[in-house]
Amino acid sequence: MNDEPKDEVICGCSGTTVGQILALIEQGTTDMDRISRITGVLSGCGGCEFDVQELVNNHKDSA
């Protein structure tokens, strides 16, 4: 997931990009419910849950 460009859409339902998620994570938002409320990810089909969680986990691992 780290190799993906920031303009790559991570959630087709909401149109949220990797960059939008990374920006929230870099600002300290790592709670999945909060990320969902802000961006709309996880509120449609849920198919992006693993990818979003991976971004959060990778950030926590590197911190």
N, C-alpha and C. Protein backbone atom coordinates (compact mmCIF):
# COMPACT_ATOMS: atom_id res chain seq x y z
N MET A 1 0.82 -1.20 0.00
CA MET A 1 0.00 0.00 0.00
C MET A 1 0.86 1.26 0.00
N ASN A 2 2.03 1.20 0.59
CA ASN A 2 2.90 2.37 0.64
C ASN A 2 3.40 2.79 -0.73
N ASP A 3 3.38 1.87 -1.70
CA ASP A 3 3.86 2.16 -3.04
C ASP A 3 2.85 2.92 -3.88
N GLU A 4 1.61 2.97 -3.43
CA GLU A 4 0.57 3.59 -4.23
C GLU A 4 0.70 5.11 -4.21
N PRO A 5 0.44 5.72 -5.37
CA PRO A 5 0.47 7.19 -5.41
C PRO A 5 -0.64 7.77 -4.54
N LYS A 6 -0.36 8.96 -4.03
CA LYS A 6 -1.32 9.59 -3.13
C LYS A 6 -2.66 9.92 -3.79
N ASP A 7 -2.68 10.00 -5.14
CA ASP A 7 -3.94 10.29 -5.81
C ASP A 7 -4.71 9.02 -6.17
N GLU A 8 -4.18 7.86 -5.76
CA GLU A 8 -4.87 6.58 -5.98
C GLU A 8 -6.13 6.54 -5.12
N VAL A 9 -7.27 6.22 -5.73
CA VAL A 9 -8.53 6.12 -4.99
C VAL A 9 -8.50 4.83 -4.17
N ILE A 10 -8.67 4.99 -2.86
CA ILE A 10 -8.67 3.84 -1.96
C ILE A 10 -10.09 3.36 -1.68
N CYS A 11 -11.07 4.25 -1.85
CA CYS A 11 -12.47 3.91 -1.61
C CYS A 11 -13.30 4.40 -2.81
N GLY A 12 -13.73 3.45 -3.61
CA GLY A 12 -14.52 3.80 -4.78
C GLY A 12 -15.88 4.35 -4.43
N CYS A 13 -16.43 3.96 -3.29
CA CYS A 13 -17.76 4.44 -2.90
C CYS A 13 -17.75 5.93 -2.56
N SER A 14 -16.70 6.38 -1.87
CA SER A 14 -16.64 7.79 -1.46
C SER A 14 -15.68 8.61 -2.31
N GLY A 15 -14.85 7.94 -3.11
CA GLY A 15 -13.87 8.64 -3.93
C GLY A 15 -12.67 9.13 -3.14
N THR A 16 -12.48 8.61 -1.95
CA THR A 16 -11.39 9.02 -1.08
C THR A 16 -10.06 8.47 -1.59
N THR A 17 -9.03 9.31 -1.56
CA THR A 17 -7.72 8.90 -2.06
C THR A 17 -6.79 8.49 -0.91
N VAL A 18 -5.73 7.80 -1.28
CA VAL A 18 -4.70 7.42 -0.32
C VAL A 18 -4.15 8.68 0.34
N GLY A 19 -3.93 9.72 -0.43
CA GLY A 19 -3.39 10.96 0.11
C GLY A 19 -4.27 11.59 1.16
N GLN A 20 -5.58 11.52 0.97
CA GLN A 20 -6.50 12.08 1.97
C GLN A 20 -6.39 11.31 3.29
N ILE A 21 -6.30 9.99 3.19
CA ILE A 21 -6.16 9.18 4.40
C ILE A 21 -4.82 9.45 5.06
N LEU A 22 -3.76 9.49 4.27
CA LEU A 22 -2.43 9.74 4.84
C LEU A 22 -2.36 11.11 5.51
N ALA A 23 -3.02 12.11 4.94
CA ALA A 23 -3.02 13.44 5.55
C ALA A 23 -3.68 13.40 6.93
N LEU A 24 -4.79 12.67 7.04
CA LEU A 24 -5.44 12.55 8.35
C LEU A 24 -4.55 11.82 9.34
N ILE A 25 -3.92 10.75 8.89
CA ILE A 25 -3.05 9.97 9.76
C ILE A 25 -1.88 10.84 10.23
N GLU A 26 -1.30 11.60 9.33
CA GLU A 26 -0.17 12.46 9.69
C GLU A 26 -0.58 13.55 10.67
N GLN A 27 -1.87 13.91 10.68
CA GLN A 27 -2.38 14.90 11.63
C GLN A 27 -2.77 14.26 12.96
N GLY A 28 -2.59 12.93 13.05
CA GLY A 28 -2.87 12.24 14.30
C GLY A 28 -4.18 11.49 14.35
N THR A 29 -4.94 11.50 13.28
CA THR A 29 -6.21 10.78 13.25
C THR A 29 -5.96 9.36 12.80
N THR A 30 -6.04 8.41 13.74
CA THR A 30 -5.81 7.01 13.42
C THR A 30 -7.00 6.13 13.79
N ASP A 31 -8.05 6.72 14.33
CA ASP A 31 -9.25 5.99 14.69
C ASP A 31 -10.08 5.73 13.43
N MET A 32 -10.36 4.48 13.14
CA MET A 32 -11.07 4.13 11.91
C MET A 32 -12.45 4.78 11.83
N ASP A 33 -13.17 4.86 12.93
CA ASP A 33 -14.49 5.49 12.91
C ASP A 33 -14.39 6.98 12.56
N ARG A 34 -13.41 7.64 13.12
CA ARG A 34 -13.22 9.07 12.82
C ARG A 34 -12.81 9.27 11.37
N ILE A 35 -11.90 8.45 10.88
CA ILE A 35 -11.50 8.54 9.48
C ILE A 35 -12.72 8.34 8.57
N SER A 36 -13.56 7.39 8.94
CA SER A 36 -14.77 7.12 8.16
C SER A 36 -15.72 8.32 8.17
N ARG A 37 -15.91 8.91 9.34
CA ARG A 37 -16.81 10.07 9.43
C ARG A 37 -16.31 11.25 8.62
N ILE A 38 -15.01 11.45 8.60
CA ILE A 38 -14.43 12.60 7.90
C ILE A 38 -14.44 12.40 6.39
N THR A 39 -14.10 11.19 5.94
CA THR A 39 -13.90 10.96 4.51
C THR A 39 -15.02 10.20 3.81
N GLY A 40 -15.77 9.42 4.56
CA GLY A 40 -16.80 8.59 3.96
C GLY A 40 -16.35 7.17 3.66
N VAL A 41 -15.04 6.87 3.87
CA VAL A 41 -14.59 5.50 3.68
C VAL A 41 -15.31 4.59 4.67
N LEU A 42 -15.45 3.34 4.31
CA LEU A 42 -16.09 2.32 5.14
C LEU A 42 -17.60 2.52 5.28
N SER A 43 -18.17 3.51 4.64
CA SER A 43 -19.60 3.77 4.78
C SER A 43 -20.41 3.21 3.62
N GLY A 44 -19.73 2.66 2.63
CA GLY A 44 -20.42 2.05 1.49
C GLY A 44 -20.33 0.54 1.59
N CYS A 45 -19.61 -0.05 0.67
CA CYS A 45 -19.52 -1.51 0.61
C CYS A 45 -18.58 -2.10 1.65
N GLY A 46 -17.64 -1.30 2.16
CA GLY A 46 -16.68 -1.80 3.16
C GLY A 46 -15.47 -2.49 2.57
N GLY A 47 -15.38 -2.54 1.26
CA GLY A 47 -14.28 -3.22 0.61
C GLY A 47 -12.92 -2.58 0.85
N CYS A 48 -12.90 -1.34 1.30
CA CYS A 48 -11.64 -0.63 1.51
C CYS A 48 -11.11 -0.78 2.94
N GLU A 49 -11.84 -1.46 3.79
CA GLU A 49 -11.47 -1.51 5.21
C GLU A 49 -10.05 -2.03 5.41
N PHE A 50 -9.69 -3.12 4.76
CA PHE A 50 -8.36 -3.69 4.93
C PHE A 50 -7.29 -2.69 4.50
N ASP A 51 -7.48 -2.02 3.36
CA ASP A 51 -6.48 -1.08 2.86
C ASP A 51 -6.33 0.13 3.77
N VAL A 52 -7.43 0.65 4.28
CA VAL A 52 -7.36 1.80 5.18
C VAL A 52 -6.68 1.38 6.48
N GLN A 53 -7.05 0.22 7.00
CA GLN A 53 -6.43 -0.26 8.24
C GLN A 53 -4.94 -0.49 8.04
N GLU A 54 -4.55 -0.95 6.86
CA GLU A 54 -3.13 -1.15 6.57
C GLU A 54 -2.37 0.17 6.59
N LEU A 55 -2.97 1.21 6.04
CA LEU A 55 -2.32 2.53 6.08
C LEU A 55 -2.11 2.99 7.52
N VAL A 56 -3.15 2.81 8.35
CA VAL A 56 -3.06 3.20 9.77
C VAL A 56 -1.99 2.37 10.47
N ASN A 57 -2.01 1.07 10.25
CA ASN A 57 -1.04 0.19 10.91
C ASN A 57 0.39 0.51 10.48
N ASN A 58 0.59 0.78 9.20
CA ASN A 58 1.94 1.11 8.72
C ASN A 58 2.45 2.39 9.37
N HIS A 59 1.55 3.35 9.59
CA HIS A 59 1.95 4.58 10.25
C HIS A 59 2.32 4.31 11.71
N LYS A 60 1.52 3.50 12.39
CA LYS A 60 1.82 3.18 13.79
C LYS A 60 3.13 2.42 13.91
N ASP A 61 3.40 1.53 12.96
CA ASP A 61 4.63 0.74 12.99
C ASP A 61 5.86 1.62 12.76
N SER A 62 5.71 2.67 11.97
CA SER A 62 6.85 3.52 11.66
C SER A 62 7.04 4.66 12.67
N ALA A 63 6.07 4.83 13.55
CA ALA A 63 6.15 5.92 14.55
C ALA A 63 7.04 5.56 15.71
